[in-house]
Amino acid sequence: MRPHSTLNAPETNNATWFDYNENTDGYFMSSSDWYRTTRYLYFQHLAEINRGRKRGVSYWNDPYITYQSNRDLIEAIADQLDLLPRQRDQAKAWFTDFDLNEWGMRVELVACCLCSRIVHEDEDDERRTHPSVPDDKKPKDFVGIADRFNLREKDVRSMYGKIDSYLRRNTRPISRRFDQLDLDRGDSCREVPTGDEVR
């Protein structure tokens, strides 16, 4: 953990871990309000603070929880669309960097169009996933995902165009606001250090 991290900026790359499932039966003997809860709930609370998800007894780290939700959504959609590991990493980097409130549309629509655009522009991938490609020439996963999320065709076309324009104007994000230690990368990018690199 970073020294001097504050309640307003909790450390989300914790270097410690503990299992609060073991030996946490029963109640504390203290009469203070917090300790009237079970030992299990108290240690669960400490684990959430350690992970950076909470800032206090009833204060959650909402930006970090939003980041985790968006990360999980893009990973799930990338899995459903059978993205290659490098494509999945690109999609996750872009999607978790987007300010989704600015897009003004459902997050599922943004995620599906982002994955579609990444696959379509990948020169090493033969799949064609642009909205103007006829359904019979698209992979069936890309045809079915819009129905699964009940996305309208005109919204898909519009969002795909916005994402395409945005990605052409911007460089791939490298900031890791919640992942400073780069612990959240996919296995395809993670390098195993050799003996010379270990200090």
Protein backbone atom coordinates (compact mmCIF):
# COMPACT_ATOMS: atom_id res chain seq x y z
CA MET A 1 0.00 0.00 0.00
CA ARG A 2 1.07 3.57 -0.59
CA PRO A 3 1.95 5.36 2.62
CA HIS A 4 -0.35 8.22 3.55
CA SER A 5 -3.24 7.15 1.30
CA THR A 6 -6.31 9.05 2.44
CA LEU A 7 -9.94 8.16 2.92
CA ASN A 8 -10.71 10.10 -0.27
CA ALA A 9 -8.11 8.19 -2.30
CA PRO A 10 -8.00 4.62 -1.01
CA GLU A 11 -5.30 2.31 -2.29
CA THR A 12 -6.78 -0.04 -4.88
CA ASN A 13 -3.60 -2.03 -5.48
CA ASN A 14 -3.30 -3.65 -2.12
CA ALA A 15 -0.16 -5.66 -1.49
CA THR A 16 -1.71 -7.64 1.36
CA TRP A 17 -4.41 -10.26 1.53
CA PHE A 18 -6.14 -12.18 4.27
CA ASP A 19 -8.85 -14.79 4.34
CA TYR A 20 -11.69 -13.62 6.54
CA ASN A 21 -13.58 -16.89 6.07
CA GLU A 22 -11.41 -18.73 8.57
CA ASN A 23 -11.71 -18.39 12.33
CA THR A 24 -14.26 -15.57 12.26
CA ASP A 25 -17.18 -17.25 14.00
CA GLY A 26 -18.99 -15.54 16.85
CA TYR A 27 -19.20 -12.01 18.17
CA PHE A 28 -16.77 -9.58 19.72
CA MET A 29 -16.99 -8.91 23.44
CA SER A 30 -16.71 -5.11 23.09
CA SER A 31 -19.76 -2.94 23.68
CA SER A 32 -18.96 -0.34 20.99
CA ASP A 33 -21.47 -0.03 18.14
CA TRP A 34 -19.14 -1.39 15.45
CA TYR A 35 -18.05 -4.44 17.40
CA ARG A 36 -21.61 -5.58 18.06
CA THR A 37 -21.53 -7.16 14.64
CA THR A 38 -20.17 -10.61 13.97
CA ARG A 39 -16.45 -11.13 13.63
CA TYR A 40 -17.05 -12.33 10.07
CA LEU A 41 -18.69 -9.03 9.02
CA TYR A 42 -15.98 -7.01 10.73
CA PHE A 43 -13.16 -8.84 8.92
CA GLN A 44 -15.11 -8.67 5.67
CA HIS A 45 -15.27 -4.90 6.18
CA LEU A 46 -11.49 -4.78 6.73
CA ALA A 47 -10.95 -6.83 3.56
CA GLU A 48 -13.03 -4.34 1.54
CA ILE A 49 -10.94 -1.45 2.91
CA ASN A 50 -7.78 -3.40 2.10
CA ARG A 51 -9.00 -3.87 -1.50
CA GLY A 52 -9.81 -0.17 -1.83
CA ARG A 53 -13.54 -0.79 -2.26
CA LYS A 54 -14.48 0.95 1.00
CA ARG A 55 -13.30 4.14 2.68
CA GLY A 56 -14.95 3.62 6.03
CA VAL A 57 -17.84 1.91 7.78
CA SER A 58 -20.50 3.18 5.38
CA TYR A 59 -18.43 4.91 2.69
CA TRP A 60 -17.80 3.00 -0.52
CA ASN A 61 -15.23 3.89 -3.18
CA ASP A 62 -17.84 4.38 -5.91
CA PRO A 63 -15.43 5.25 -8.76
CA TYR A 64 -13.48 2.05 -8.14
CA ILE A 65 -16.63 -0.06 -7.99
CA THR A 66 -17.77 1.51 -11.29
CA TYR A 67 -14.38 0.69 -12.77
CA GLN A 68 -14.69 -2.94 -11.64
CA SER A 69 -18.22 -3.21 -13.08
CA ASN A 70 -17.10 -1.79 -16.42
CA ARG A 71 -14.04 -4.06 -16.48
CA ASP A 72 -16.17 -7.11 -15.79
CA LEU A 73 -18.73 -6.11 -18.45
CA ILE A 74 -16.15 -5.63 -21.21
CA GLU A 75 -14.44 -8.91 -20.29
CA ALA A 76 -17.78 -10.77 -20.42
CA ILE A 77 -18.70 -9.30 -23.81
CA ALA A 78 -15.19 -9.93 -25.17
CA ASP A 79 -15.54 -13.57 -24.09
CA GLN A 80 -18.95 -13.90 -25.75
CA LEU A 81 -17.54 -12.45 -28.98
CA ASP A 82 -14.47 -14.67 -28.83
CA LEU A 83 -11.97 -11.82 -29.00
CA LEU A 84 -8.32 -12.73 -29.20
CA PRO A 85 -6.26 -11.98 -26.06
CA ARG A 86 -4.64 -8.87 -27.58
CA GLN A 87 -8.07 -7.63 -28.73
CA ARG A 88 -9.51 -8.25 -25.27
CA ASP A 89 -6.70 -6.24 -23.69
CA GLN A 90 -7.30 -3.36 -26.11
CA ALA A 91 -11.03 -3.39 -25.44
CA LYS A 92 -10.49 -3.40 -21.68
CA ALA A 93 -7.94 -0.56 -21.84
CA TRP A 94 -10.24 1.65 -23.92
CA PHE A 95 -13.49 0.79 -22.14
CA THR A 96 -12.20 1.36 -18.62
CA ASP A 97 -10.68 4.66 -19.76
CA PHE A 98 -13.91 5.98 -21.34
CA ASP A 99 -16.06 8.44 -19.43
CA LEU A 100 -19.24 6.51 -20.20
CA ASN A 101 -21.46 9.35 -18.98
CA GLU A 102 -20.26 11.39 -21.97
CA TRP A 103 -21.36 8.73 -24.46
CA GLY A 104 -24.99 9.12 -23.41
CA MET A 105 -25.95 5.56 -24.33
CA ARG A 106 -26.21 2.19 -22.61
CA VAL A 107 -22.86 0.78 -21.55
CA GLU A 108 -23.65 -2.54 -23.25
CA LEU A 109 -24.04 -0.73 -26.58
CA VAL A 110 -20.69 1.04 -26.16
CA ALA A 111 -18.97 -2.21 -25.16
CA CYS A 112 -20.40 -4.23 -28.08
CA CYS A 113 -19.52 -1.53 -30.63
CA LEU A 114 -16.01 -1.14 -29.20
CA CYS A 115 -15.36 -4.89 -29.49
CA SER A 116 -16.81 -4.93 -32.98
CA ARG A 117 -14.63 -2.04 -34.10
CA ILE A 118 -11.45 -3.56 -32.62
CA VAL A 119 -12.03 -6.87 -34.41
CA HIS A 120 -12.98 -5.23 -37.71
CA GLU A 121 -9.85 -3.05 -37.77
CA ASP A 122 -7.48 -5.87 -36.79
CA GLU A 123 -5.51 -6.69 -39.94
CA ASP A 124 -4.59 -10.14 -38.60
CA ASP A 125 -8.23 -11.08 -38.00
CA GLU A 126 -10.36 -12.01 -41.03
CA ARG A 127 -13.69 -11.47 -39.28
CA ARG A 128 -15.68 -8.53 -40.67
CA THR A 129 -17.84 -6.93 -38.00
CA HIS A 130 -18.67 -3.44 -39.27
CA PRO A 131 -22.42 -2.62 -38.99
CA SER A 132 -22.67 -2.27 -42.79
CA VAL A 133 -21.47 -5.86 -43.35
CA PRO A 134 -24.51 -8.10 -44.12
CA ASP A 135 -25.49 -10.43 -41.29
CA ASP A 136 -24.81 -13.54 -43.38
CA LYS A 137 -21.15 -12.44 -43.75
CA LYS A 138 -20.64 -11.56 -40.07
CA PRO A 139 -19.69 -14.08 -37.39
CA LYS A 140 -22.89 -15.30 -35.73
CA ASP A 141 -21.67 -14.16 -32.29
CA PHE A 142 -21.61 -10.56 -33.51
CA VAL A 143 -25.05 -10.87 -35.10
CA GLY A 144 -26.60 -12.37 -31.97
CA ILE A 145 -25.10 -10.03 -29.37
CA ALA A 146 -27.23 -7.08 -30.47
CA ASP A 147 -30.37 -9.19 -30.00
CA ARG A 148 -29.16 -10.41 -26.63
CA PHE A 149 -28.89 -6.83 -25.36
CA ASN A 150 -31.91 -5.63 -27.36
CA LEU A 151 -29.84 -3.04 -29.26
CA ARG A 152 -31.44 -1.17 -32.15
CA GLU A 153 -29.60 -1.26 -35.48
CA LYS A 154 -29.58 2.53 -35.86
CA ASP A 155 -28.06 2.92 -32.38
CA VAL A 156 -25.38 0.34 -33.22
CA ARG A 157 -24.48 2.17 -36.44
CA SER A 158 -24.36 5.53 -34.69
CA MET A 159 -22.29 4.30 -31.74
CA TYR A 160 -19.89 2.37 -33.97
CA GLY A 161 -19.24 5.59 -35.91
CA LYS A 162 -18.64 7.57 -32.71
CA ILE A 163 -16.24 4.97 -31.36
CA ASP A 164 -14.40 4.69 -34.67
CA SER A 165 -13.96 8.46 -34.78
CA TYR A 166 -12.85 8.59 -31.13
CA LEU A 167 -10.28 5.80 -31.52
CA ARG A 168 -8.83 7.40 -34.65
CA ARG A 169 -8.40 10.75 -32.86
CA ASN A 170 -6.88 9.37 -29.64
CA THR A 171 -3.96 7.19 -28.73
CA ARG A 172 -4.48 4.01 -26.76
CA PRO A 173 -4.82 4.84 -23.07
CA ILE A 174 -1.89 3.97 -20.86
CA SER A 175 -3.06 5.45 -17.56
CA ARG A 176 -4.06 2.94 -14.93
CA ARG A 177 -5.90 5.05 -12.39
CA PHE A 178 -7.01 2.06 -10.33
CA ASP A 179 -4.31 -0.36 -11.40
CA GLN A 180 -1.02 1.41 -10.76
CA LEU A 181 0.82 -1.85 -10.18
CA ASP A 182 -0.51 -3.36 -13.41
CA LEU A 183 -2.05 -6.31 -11.60
CA ASP A 184 -5.25 -6.32 -13.62
CA ARG A 185 -3.79 -7.12 -17.03
CA GLY A 186 -4.77 -10.16 -19.02
CA ASP A 187 -2.49 -13.18 -19.01
CA SER A 188 -1.64 -12.51 -22.65
CA CYS A 189 0.29 -9.38 -21.65
CA ARG A 190 1.74 -10.45 -18.36
CA GLU A 191 5.45 -11.10 -18.57
CA VAL A 192 7.04 -13.53 -16.17
CA PRO A 193 10.26 -12.01 -14.83
CA THR A 194 13.47 -13.91 -15.37
CA GLY A 195 15.98 -14.43 -12.59
CA ASP A 196 17.97 -11.36 -13.72
CA GLU A 197 14.96 -9.07 -13.36
CA VAL A 198 14.02 -10.13 -9.83
CA ARG A 199 15.45 -7.84 -7.17
